[in-house]
PDB file of N, CA and C in Angstrom:
ATOM      1  N   UNK A   1     -13.133  39.246 -23.806  1.00  0.00           N
ATOM      2  CA  UNK A   1     -12.033  39.703 -24.439  1.00  0.00           C
ATOM      3  C   UNK A   1     -10.890  39.867 -23.322  1.00  0.00           C
ATOM      4  N   UNK A   2      -9.543  39.522 -23.502  1.00  0.00           N
ATOM      5  CA  UNK A   2      -8.557  39.738 -22.533  1.00  0.00           C
ATOM      6  C   UNK A   2      -7.950  41.233 -22.445  1.00  0.00           C
ATOM      7  N   UNK A   3      -7.416  41.580 -21.496  1.00  0.00           N
ATOM      8  CA  UNK A   3      -6.625  42.841 -21.461  1.00  0.00           C
ATOM      9  C   UNK A   3      -5.724  43.121 -22.480  1.00  0.00           C
ATOM     10  N   UNK A   4      -4.911  42.037 -22.731  1.00  0.00           N
ATOM     11  CA  UNK A   4      -3.950  42.095 -23.999  1.00  0.00           C
ATOM     12  C   UNK A   4      -4.739  42.251 -25.110  1.00  0.00           C
ATOM     13  N   UNK A   5      -6.063  42.135 -25.384  1.00  0.00           N
ATOM     14  CA  UNK A   5      -6.614  42.220 -26.694  1.00  0.00           C
ATOM     15  C   UNK A   5      -6.963  43.874 -26.925  1.00  0.00           C
ATOM     16  N   UNK A   6      -6.871  44.786 -25.849  1.00  0.00           N
ATOM     17  CA  UNK A   6      -7.342  45.950 -26.087  1.00  0.00           C
ATOM     18  C   UNK A   6      -6.115  46.801 -26.593  1.00  0.00           C
ATOM     19  N   UNK A   7      -6.161  47.031 -27.835  1.00  0.00           N
ATOM     20  CA  UNK A   7      -5.114  47.688 -28.555  1.00  0.00           C
ATOM     21  C   UNK A   7      -5.448  49.228 -28.831  1.00  0.00           C
ATOM     22  N   UNK A   8      -4.598  50.073 -28.459  1.00  0.00           N
ATOM     23  CA  UNK A   8      -4.994  51.589 -28.691  1.00  0.00           C
ATOM     24  C   UNK A   8      -4.342  52.035 -30.283  1.00  0.00           C
ATOM     25  N   UNK A   9      -3.266  51.517 -30.482  1.00  0.00           N
ATOM     26  CA  UNK A   9      -2.679  51.339 -31.838  1.00  0.00           C
ATOM     27  C   UNK A   9      -1.714  50.231 -32.038  1.00  0.00           C
ATOM     28  N   UNK A  10      -0.984  50.259 -32.959  1.00  0.00           N
ATOM     29  CA  UNK A  10      -0.060  48.973 -33.259  1.00  0.00           C
ATOM     30  C   UNK A  10       0.965  49.069 -32.141  1.00  0.00           C
ATOM     31  N   UNK A  11       1.157  49.972 -31.320  1.00  0.00           N
ATOM     32  CA  UNK A  11       2.360  49.932 -30.283  1.00  0.00           C
ATOM     33  C   UNK A  11       1.931  50.048 -28.839  1.00  0.00           C
ATOM     34  N   UNK A  12       0.707  50.354 -28.747  1.00  0.00           N
ATOM     35  CA  UNK A  12      -0.051  50.763 -27.290  1.00  0.00           C
ATOM     36  C   UNK A  12      -1.188  49.800 -26.887  1.00  0.00           C
ATOM     37  N   UNK A  13      -1.179  49.253 -25.866  1.00  0.00           N
ATOM     38  CA  UNK A  13      -2.287  48.352 -25.212  1.00  0.00           C
ATOM     39  C   UNK A  13      -2.805  49.237 -24.177  1.00  0.00           C
ATOM     40  N   UNK A  14      -4.140  49.042 -23.816  1.00  0.00           N
ATOM     41  CA  UNK A  14      -4.735  49.885 -22.651  1.00  0.00           C
ATOM     42  C   UNK A  14      -4.901  48.569 -21.650  1.00  0.00           C
ATOM     43  N   UNK A  15      -4.329  48.770 -20.697  1.00  0.00           N
ATOM     44  CA  UNK A  15      -4.648  47.844 -19.420  1.00  0.00           C
ATOM     45  C   UNK A  15      -5.464  48.258 -18.607  1.00  0.00           C
ATOM     46  N   UNK A  16      -6.534  47.673 -18.250  1.00  0.00           N
ATOM     47  CA  UNK A  16      -7.588  47.855 -17.348  1.00  0.00           C
ATOM     48  C   UNK A  16      -7.481  47.294 -15.997  1.00  0.00           C
ATOM     49  N   UNK A  17      -7.959  48.220 -15.085  1.00  0.00           N
ATOM     50  CA  UNK A  17      -7.836  47.758 -13.805  1.00  0.00           C
ATOM     51  C   UNK A  17      -6.826  47.854 -12.982  1.00  0.00           C
ATOM     52  N   UNK A  18      -5.850  48.865 -13.095  1.00  0.00           N
ATOM     53  CA  UNK A  18      -4.742  48.961 -12.247  1.00  0.00           C
ATOM     54  C   UNK A  18      -4.981  49.365 -10.876  1.00  0.00           C
ATOM     55  N   UNK A  19      -4.088  49.068 -10.005  1.00  0.00           N
ATOM     56  CA  UNK A  19      -4.193  49.732  -8.685  1.00  0.00           C
ATOM     57  C   UNK A  19      -3.446  50.740  -8.358  1.00  0.00           C
ATOM     58  N   UNK A  20      -4.129  51.943  -8.266  1.00  0.00           N
ATOM     59  CA  UNK A  20      -3.402  53.274  -8.325  1.00  0.00           C
ATOM     60  C   UNK A  20      -3.741  53.887  -6.971  1.00  0.00           C
ATOM     61  N   UNK A  21      -2.784  54.504  -6.478  1.00  0.00           N
ATOM     62  CA  UNK A  21      -2.843  55.666  -5.489  1.00  0.00           C
ATOM     63  C   UNK A  21      -2.526  57.116  -5.940  1.00  0.00           C
ATOM     64  N   UNK A  22      -3.376  57.957  -6.119  1.00  0.00           N
ATOM     65  CA  UNK A  22      -3.237  59.203  -6.502  1.00  0.00           C
ATOM     66  C   UNK A  22      -3.861  60.156  -5.613  1.00  0.00           C
ATOM     67  N   UNK A  23      -3.064  61.221  -5.248  1.00  0.00           N
ATOM     68  CA  UNK A  23      -3.432  62.246  -4.644  1.00  0.00           C
ATOM     69  C   UNK A  23      -2.612  63.558  -4.650  1.00  0.00           C
ATOM     70  N   UNK A  24      -2.987  64.610  -4.160  1.00  0.00           N
ATOM     71  CA  UNK A  24      -2.344  65.797  -4.358  1.00  0.00           C
ATOM     72  C   UNK A  24      -2.138  66.364  -2.790  1.00  0.00           C
ATOM     73  N   UNK A  25      -1.739  65.431  -1.970  1.00  0.00           N
ATOM     74  CA  UNK A  25      -1.432  65.871  -0.368  1.00  0.00           C
ATOM     75  C   UNK A  25      -0.089  66.631  -0.438  1.00  0.00           C
ATOM     76  N   UNK A  26       0.719  66.279  -1.280  1.00  0.00           N
ATOM     77  CA  UNK A  26       1.937  66.791  -1.191  1.00  0.00           C
ATOM     78  C   UNK A  26       2.244  67.988  -2.182  1.00  0.00           C
ATOM     79  N   UNK A  27       1.924  69.134  -2.113  1.00  0.00           N
ATOM     80  CA  UNK A  27       1.971  70.034  -3.124  1.00  0.00           C
ATOM     81  C   UNK A  27       3.489  70.427  -3.610  1.00  0.00           C
ATOM     82  N   UNK A  28       4.388  70.073  -2.755  1.00  0.00           N
ATOM     83  CA  UNK A  28       5.811  70.238  -3.089  1.00  0.00           C
ATOM     84  C   UNK A  28       6.364  69.252  -4.029  1.00  0.00           C
ATOM     85  N   UNK A  29       5.423  68.360  -4.336  1.00  0.00           N
ATOM     86  CA  UNK A  29       5.969  67.173  -5.335  1.00  0.00           C
ATOM     87  C   UNK A  29       5.668  67.967  -6.663  1.00  0.00           C
ATOM     88  N   UNK A  30       4.592  68.447  -6.714  1.00  0.00           N
ATOM     89  CA  UNK A  30       4.193  69.110  -8.193  1.00  0.00           C
ATOM     90  C   UNK A  30       3.618  70.581  -7.832  1.00  0.00           C
ATOM     91  N   UNK A  31       2.959  71.238  -8.698  1.00  0.00           N
ATOM     92  CA  UNK A  31       2.417  72.441  -8.313  1.00  0.00           C
ATOM     93  C   UNK A  31       0.928  72.476  -8.471  1.00  0.00           C
ATOM     94  N   UNK A  32       0.443  71.507  -8.452  1.00  0.00           N
ATOM     95  CA  UNK A  32      -1.196  71.446  -8.432  1.00  0.00           C
ATOM     96  C   UNK A  32      -1.611  70.899  -7.016  1.00  0.00           C
ATOM     97  N   UNK A  33      -2.784  71.637  -6.766  1.00  0.00           N
ATOM     98  CA  UNK A  33      -3.577  71.091  -5.375  1.00  0.00           C
ATOM     99  C   UNK A  33      -5.080  70.626  -5.879  1.00  0.00           C
ATOM    100  N   UNK A  34      -5.562  69.552  -5.112  1.00  0.00           N
ATOM    101  CA  UNK A  34      -6.961  69.247  -5.413  1.00  0.00           C
ATOM    102  C   UNK A  34      -7.757  70.282  -5.111  1.00  0.00           C
ATOM    103  N   UNK A  35      -8.598  70.583  -5.969  1.00  0.00           N
ATOM    104  CA  UNK A  35      -9.496  71.686  -5.750  1.00  0.00           C
ATOM    105  C   UNK A  35     -10.686  71.350  -4.941  1.00  0.00           C
ATOM    106  N   UNK A  36     -10.942  70.122  -4.726  1.00  0.00           N
ATOM    107  CA  UNK A  36     -12.084  69.722  -3.694  1.00  0.00           C
ATOM    108  C   UNK A  36     -11.383  69.849  -2.346  1.00  0.00           C
ATOM    109  N   UNK A  37     -10.230  69.419  -2.085  1.00  0.00           N
ATOM    110  CA  UNK A  37      -9.398  69.730  -0.999  1.00  0.00           C
ATOM    111  C   UNK A  37      -9.453  71.086  -0.570  1.00  0.00           C
ATOM    112  N   UNK A  38      -8.903  71.904  -1.480  1.00  0.00           N
ATOM    113  CA  UNK A  38      -8.989  73.198  -1.328  1.00  0.00           C
ATOM    114  C   UNK A  38     -10.311  74.097  -0.868  1.00  0.00           C
ATOM    115  N   UNK A  39     -11.411  73.480  -1.524  1.00  0.00           N
ATOM    116  CA  UNK A  39     -12.700  74.090  -1.251  1.00  0.00           C
ATOM    117  C   UNK A  39     -13.176  73.561   0.186  1.00  0.00           C
ATOM    118  N   UNK A  40     -12.814  72.436   0.591  1.00  0.00           N
ATOM    119  CA  UNK A  40     -13.071  71.725   1.967  1.00  0.00           C
ATOM    120  C   UNK A  40     -12.240  72.033   2.915  1.00  0.00           C
ATOM    121  N   UNK A  41     -11.045  72.734   2.717  1.00  0.00           N
ATOM    122  CA  UNK A  41      -9.837  72.968   3.619  1.00  0.00           C
ATOM    123  C   UNK A  41      -9.639  71.807   4.326  1.00  0.00           C
ATOM    124  N   UNK A  42      -9.246  70.468   3.511  1.00  0.00           N
ATOM    125  CA  UNK A  42      -8.794  69.421   3.919  1.00  0.00           C
ATOM    126  C   UNK A  42      -7.774  68.832   2.982  1.00  0.00           C
ATOM    127  N   UNK A  43      -7.008  67.703   3.443  1.00  0.00           N
ATOM    128  CA  UNK A  43      -6.218  66.805   2.428  1.00  0.00           C
ATOM    129  C   UNK A  43      -6.712  65.588   2.378  1.00  0.00           C
ATOM    130  N   UNK A  44      -8.008  65.413   2.732  1.00  0.00           N
ATOM    131  CA  UNK A  44      -8.805  63.793   2.782  1.00  0.00           C
ATOM    132  C   UNK A  44      -9.021  63.445   1.655  1.00  0.00           C
ATOM    133  N   UNK A  45      -9.163  64.428   0.482  1.00  0.00           N
ATOM    134  CA  UNK A  45      -9.779  63.875  -0.840  1.00  0.00           C
ATOM    135  C   UNK A  45      -8.649  63.315  -1.658  1.00  0.00           C
ATOM    136  N   UNK A  46      -8.685  62.095  -2.410  1.00  0.00           N
ATOM    137  CA  UNK A  46      -7.772  61.630  -3.231  1.00  0.00           C
ATOM    138  C   UNK A  46      -8.540  61.247  -4.638  1.00  0.00           C
ATOM    139  N   UNK A  47      -7.702  61.322  -5.438  1.00  0.00           N
ATOM    140  CA  UNK A  47      -8.205  60.817  -7.050  1.00  0.00           C
ATOM    141  C   UNK A  47      -8.588  59.363  -6.886  1.00  0.00           C
ATOM    142  N   UNK A  48      -7.465  58.662  -6.434  1.00  0.00           N
ATOM    143  CA  UNK A  48      -7.591  57.113  -6.374  1.00  0.00           C
ATOM    144  C   UNK A  48      -7.005  56.538  -5.098  1.00  0.00           C
ATOM    145  N   UNK A  49      -7.589  55.566  -4.621  1.00  0.00           N
ATOM    146  CA  UNK A  49      -6.882  55.020  -3.489  1.00  0.00           C
ATOM    147  C   UNK A  49      -7.094  53.306  -3.765  1.00  0.00           C
ATOM    148  N   UNK A  50      -5.984  52.852  -3.726  1.00  0.00           N
ATOM    149  CA  UNK A  50      -5.599  51.479  -4.213  1.00  0.00           C
ATOM    150  C   UNK A  50      -6.707  50.281  -3.568  1.00  0.00           C
ATOM    151  N   UNK A  51      -7.466  49.970  -4.491  1.00  0.00           N
ATOM    152  CA  UNK A  51      -8.378  48.873  -4.078  1.00  0.00           C
ATOM    153  C   UNK A  51      -9.652  49.214  -3.380  1.00  0.00           C
ATOM    154  N   UNK A  52      -9.864  50.633  -3.269  1.00  0.00           N
ATOM    155  CA  UNK A  52     -10.853  51.237  -2.446  1.00  0.00           C
ATOM    156  C   UNK A  52     -12.035  52.169  -3.306  1.00  0.00           C
ATOM    157  N   UNK A  53     -11.428  53.203  -3.716  1.00  0.00           N
ATOM    158  CA  UNK A  53     -12.193  54.203  -4.474  1.00  0.00           C
ATOM    159  C   UNK A  53     -11.477  54.947  -5.753  1.00  0.00           C
ATOM    160  N   UNK A  54     -12.401  55.455  -6.377  1.00  0.00           N
ATOM    161  CA  UNK A  54     -12.052  56.404  -7.526  1.00  0.00           C
ATOM    162  C   UNK A  54     -12.814  57.974  -7.298  1.00  0.00           C
ATOM    163  N   UNK A  55     -12.381  58.893  -7.127  1.00  0.00           N
ATOM    164  CA  UNK A  55     -12.998  59.930  -6.908  1.00  0.00           C
ATOM    165  C   UNK A  55     -14.033  60.311  -8.018  1.00  0.00           C
ATOM    166  N   UNK A  56     -15.136  60.822  -7.660  1.00  0.00           N
ATOM    167  CA  UNK A  56     -16.262  61.252  -8.506  1.00  0.00           C
ATOM    168  C   UNK A  56     -15.976  62.527  -9.454  1.00  0.00           C
ATOM    169  N   UNK A  57     -14.865  62.975  -9.285  1.00  0.00           N
ATOM    170  CA  UNK A  57     -14.445  64.031 -10.231  1.00  0.00           C
ATOM    171  C   UNK A  57     -13.298  63.557 -11.088  1.00  0.00           C
ATOM    172  N   UNK A  58     -12.717  62.495 -10.697  1.00  0.00           N
ATOM    173  CA  UNK A  58     -11.719  61.952 -11.431  1.00  0.00           C
ATOM    174  C   UNK A  58     -11.957  61.551 -12.910  1.00  0.00           C
ATOM    175  N   UNK A  59     -11.368  62.224 -14.052  1.00  0.00           N
ATOM    176  CA  UNK A  59     -11.732  62.049 -15.307  1.00  0.00           C
ATOM    177  C   UNK A  59     -10.485  61.245 -16.180  1.00  0.00           C
ATOM    178  N   UNK A  60      -9.442  60.805 -15.517  1.00  0.00           N
ATOM    179  CA  UNK A  60      -8.426  60.022 -16.110  1.00  0.00           C
ATOM    180  C   UNK A  60      -7.021  60.800 -15.945  1.00  0.00           C
ATOM    181  N   UNK A  61      -6.039  60.063 -16.680  1.00  0.00           N
ATOM    182  CA  UNK A  61      -4.864  60.410 -16.592  1.00  0.00           C
ATOM    183  C   UNK A  61      -4.350  60.978 -18.005  1.00  0.00           C
ATOM    184  N   UNK A  62      -3.522  61.815 -18.144  1.00  0.00           N
ATOM    185  CA  UNK A  62      -3.118  62.314 -19.474  1.00  0.00           C
ATOM    186  C   UNK A  62      -1.465  62.188 -19.370  1.00  0.00           C
ATOM    187  N   UNK A  63      -0.975  61.765 -20.503  1.00  0.00           N
ATOM    188  CA  UNK A  63       0.419  61.496 -20.357  1.00  0.00           C
ATOM    189  C   UNK A  63       1.133  63.019 -20.191  1.00  0.00           C
ATOM    190  N   UNK A  64       2.005  62.886 -19.399  1.00  0.00           N
ATOM    191  CA  UNK A  64       2.920  62.047 -18.698  1.00  0.00           C
ATOM    192  C   UNK A  64       2.518  61.745 -17.322  1.00  0.00           C
ATOM    193  N   UNK A  65       1.813  62.632 -16.514  1.00  0.00           N
ATOM    194  CA  UNK A  65       1.401  62.402 -15.295  1.00  0.00           C
ATOM    195  C   UNK A  65       0.368  63.311 -14.822  1.00  0.00           C
ATOM    196  N   UNK A  66      -0.241  63.752 -15.620  1.00  0.00           N
ATOM    197  CA  UNK A  66      -1.451  64.816 -15.386  1.00  0.00           C
ATOM    198  C   UNK A  66      -2.780  64.169 -14.973  1.00  0.00           C
ATOM    199  N   UNK A  67      -3.370  64.559 -14.029  1.00  0.00           N
ATOM    200  CA  UNK A  67      -4.576  64.257 -13.550  1.00  0.00           C
ATOM    201  C   UNK A  67      -5.942  65.075 -14.043  1.00  0.00           C
ATOM    202  N   UNK A  68      -6.994  64.442 -14.904  1.00  0.00           N
ATOM    203  CA  UNK A  68      -7.899  65.170 -15.496  1.00  0.00           C
ATOM    204  C   UNK A  68      -8.892  65.149 -14.531  1.00  0.00           C
ATOM    205  N   UNK A  69      -9.265  66.216 -13.792  1.00  0.00           N
ATOM    206  CA  UNK A  69     -10.171  66.454 -12.679  1.00  0.00           C
ATOM    207  C   UNK A  69     -11.396  67.432 -13.156  1.00  0.00           C
ATOM    208  N   UNK A  70     -12.637  67.051 -13.082  1.00  0.00           N
ATOM    209  CA  UNK A  70     -13.745  68.006 -13.314  1.00  0.00           C
ATOM    210  C   UNK A  70     -14.536  68.602 -12.291  1.00  0.00           C
ATOM    211  N   UNK A  71     -13.761  68.754 -10.963  1.00  0.00           N
ATOM    212  CA  UNK A  71     -14.447  69.443  -9.872  1.00  0.00           C
ATOM    213  C   UNK A  71     -14.968  70.805 -10.338  1.00  0.00           C
ATOM    214  N   UNK A  72     -15.821  71.216 -10.025  1.00  0.00           N
ATOM    215  CA  UNK A  72     -17.047  70.728  -9.063  1.00  0.00           C
ATOM    216  C   UNK A  72     -17.929  69.917  -9.769  1.00  0.00           C
ATOM    217  N   UNK A  73     -17.891  69.454 -11.051  1.00  0.00           N
ATOM    218  CA  UNK A  73     -18.725  68.689 -11.784  1.00  0.00           C
ATOM    219  C   UNK A  73     -18.436  67.241 -11.887  1.00  0.00           C
ATOM    220  N   UNK A  74     -19.433  66.322 -11.562  1.00  0.00           N
ATOM    221  CA  UNK A  74     -19.395  64.887 -11.286  1.00  0.00           C
ATOM    222  C   UNK A  74     -18.890  64.302 -12.751  1.00  0.00           C
ATOM    223  N   UNK A  75     -17.764  63.353 -12.746  1.00  0.00           N
ATOM    224  CA  UNK A  75     -17.362  62.870 -13.860  1.00  0.00           C
ATOM    225  C   UNK A  75     -18.504  62.355 -15.036  1.00  0.00           C
ATOM    226  N   UNK A  76     -19.493  61.923 -14.308  1.00  0.00           N
ATOM    227  CA  UNK A  76     -20.638  61.323 -15.314  1.00  0.00           C
ATOM    228  C   UNK A  76     -21.270  62.334 -15.942  1.00  0.00           C
ATOM    229  N   UNK A  77     -21.238  63.534 -15.459  1.00  0.00           N
ATOM    230  CA  UNK A  77     -21.831  64.794 -16.241  1.00  0.00           C
ATOM    231  C   UNK A  77     -20.807  65.293 -17.199  1.00  0.00           C
ATOM    232  N   UNK A  78     -19.782  64.880 -17.187  1.00  0.00           N
ATOM    233  CA  UNK A  78     -18.677  65.649 -17.967  1.00  0.00           C
ATOM    234  C   UNK A  78     -18.160  64.567 -19.017  1.00  0.00           C
ATOM    235  N   UNK A  79     -17.679  63.346 -18.668  1.00  0.00           N
ATOM    236  CA  UNK A  79     -17.509  62.298 -19.717  1.00  0.00           C
ATOM    237  C   UNK A  79     -18.726  61.535 -20.417  1.00  0.00           C
ATOM    238  N   UNK A  80     -18.421  61.439 -21.780  1.00  0.00           N
ATOM    239  CA  UNK A  80     -19.454  60.644 -22.360  1.00  0.00           C
ATOM    240  C   UNK A  80     -19.429  59.084 -22.276  1.00  0.00           C
ATOM    241  N   UNK A  81     -20.431  58.460 -22.411  1.00  0.00           N
ATOM    242  CA  UNK A  81     -20.403  56.953 -22.147  1.00  0.00           C
ATOM    243  C   UNK A  81     -19.188  56.277 -22.918  1.00  0.00           C
ATOM    244  N   UNK A  82     -19.102  56.604 -23.988  1.00  0.00           N
ATOM    245  CA  UNK A  82     -18.039  56.059 -25.048  1.00  0.00           C
ATOM    246  C   UNK A  82     -16.472  56.426 -24.492  1.00  0.00           C
ATOM    247  N   UNK A  83     -16.506  57.424 -23.651  1.00  0.00           N
ATOM    248  CA  UNK A  83     -15.019  57.839 -23.041  1.00  0.00           C
ATOM    249  C   UNK A  83     -14.719  57.104 -21.866  1.00  0.00           C
ATOM    250  N   UNK A  84     -15.546  56.212 -21.367  1.00  0.00           N
ATOM    251  CA  UNK A  84     -15.540  55.368 -20.234  1.00  0.00           C
ATOM    252  C   UNK A  84     -15.147  53.826 -20.749  1.00  0.00           C
ATOM    253  N   UNK A  85     -14.431  53.105 -19.941  1.00  0.00           N
ATOM    254  CA  UNK A  85     -14.143  51.703 -20.547  1.00  0.00           C
ATOM    255  C   UNK A  85     -15.080  50.829 -19.719  1.00  0.00           C
ATOM    256  N   UNK A  86     -15.647  51.454 -18.751  1.00  0.00           N
ATOM    257  CA  UNK A  86     -16.652  50.345 -17.898  1.00  0.00           C
ATOM    258  C   UNK A  86     -17.408  51.487 -17.026  1.00  0.00           C
ATOM    259  N   UNK A  87     -18.413  50.709 -16.553  1.00  0.00           N
ATOM    260  CA  UNK A  87     -19.530  51.532 -15.410  1.00  0.00           C
ATOM    261  C   UNK A  87     -18.805  51.941 -14.443  1.00  0.00           C
ATOM    262  N   UNK A  88     -19.007  53.111 -13.672  1.00  0.00           N
ATOM    263  CA  UNK A  88     -18.514  53.617 -12.537  1.00  0.00           C
ATOM    264  C   UNK A  88     -19.315  53.116 -11.494  1.00  0.00           C
ATOM    265  N   UNK A  89     -18.402  52.478 -10.364  1.00  0.00           N
ATOM    266  CA  UNK A  89     -19.109  51.921  -9.122  1.00  0.00           C
ATOM    267  C   UNK A  89     -19.014  52.985  -8.178  1.00  0.00           C
ATOM    268  N   UNK A  90     -20.079  53.346  -7.610  1.00  0.00           N
ATOM    269  CA  UNK A  90     -20.043  54.393  -6.473  1.00  0.00           C
ATOM    270  C   UNK A  90     -19.391  53.702  -5.327  1.00  0.00           C
ATOM    271  N   UNK A  91     -18.157  53.886  -5.202  1.00  0.00           N
ATOM    272  CA  UNK A  91     -17.384  53.474  -4.006  1.00  0.00           C
ATOM    273  C   UNK A  91     -16.483  54.495  -3.657  1.00  0.00           C
ATOM    274  N   UNK A  92     -17.021  55.719  -3.440  1.00  0.00           N
ATOM    275  CA  UNK A  92     -16.275  56.812  -3.035  1.00  0.00           C
ATOM    276  C   UNK A  92     -15.930  56.855  -1.532  1.00  0.00           C
ATOM    277  N   UNK A  93     -14.590  57.384  -1.260  1.00  0.00           N
ATOM    278  CA  UNK A  93     -14.360  57.070   0.327  1.00  0.00           C
ATOM    279  C   UNK A  93     -14.955  58.549   0.724  1.00  0.00           C
TER     280      UNK A  93
END
């Protein structure tokens, strides 16, 4: 199956495998802080690092630009298998 074939509805396609950088290191940009960073007193944890990792608490993006985070519960204990579009690869930074 091609990425173009994954249709959410008649107007939206799901494109798999984007290269994203998502972090909450600049609280001035929005009003949320990464709860894992807060707990660890760091700015080192990121939701996604392009071509490297996806956080074990990252559960997706909700329109328009909200991150779904399950901290302190790992995503595999929160999401059901049918809510994931592929197996999670353990490449956490």
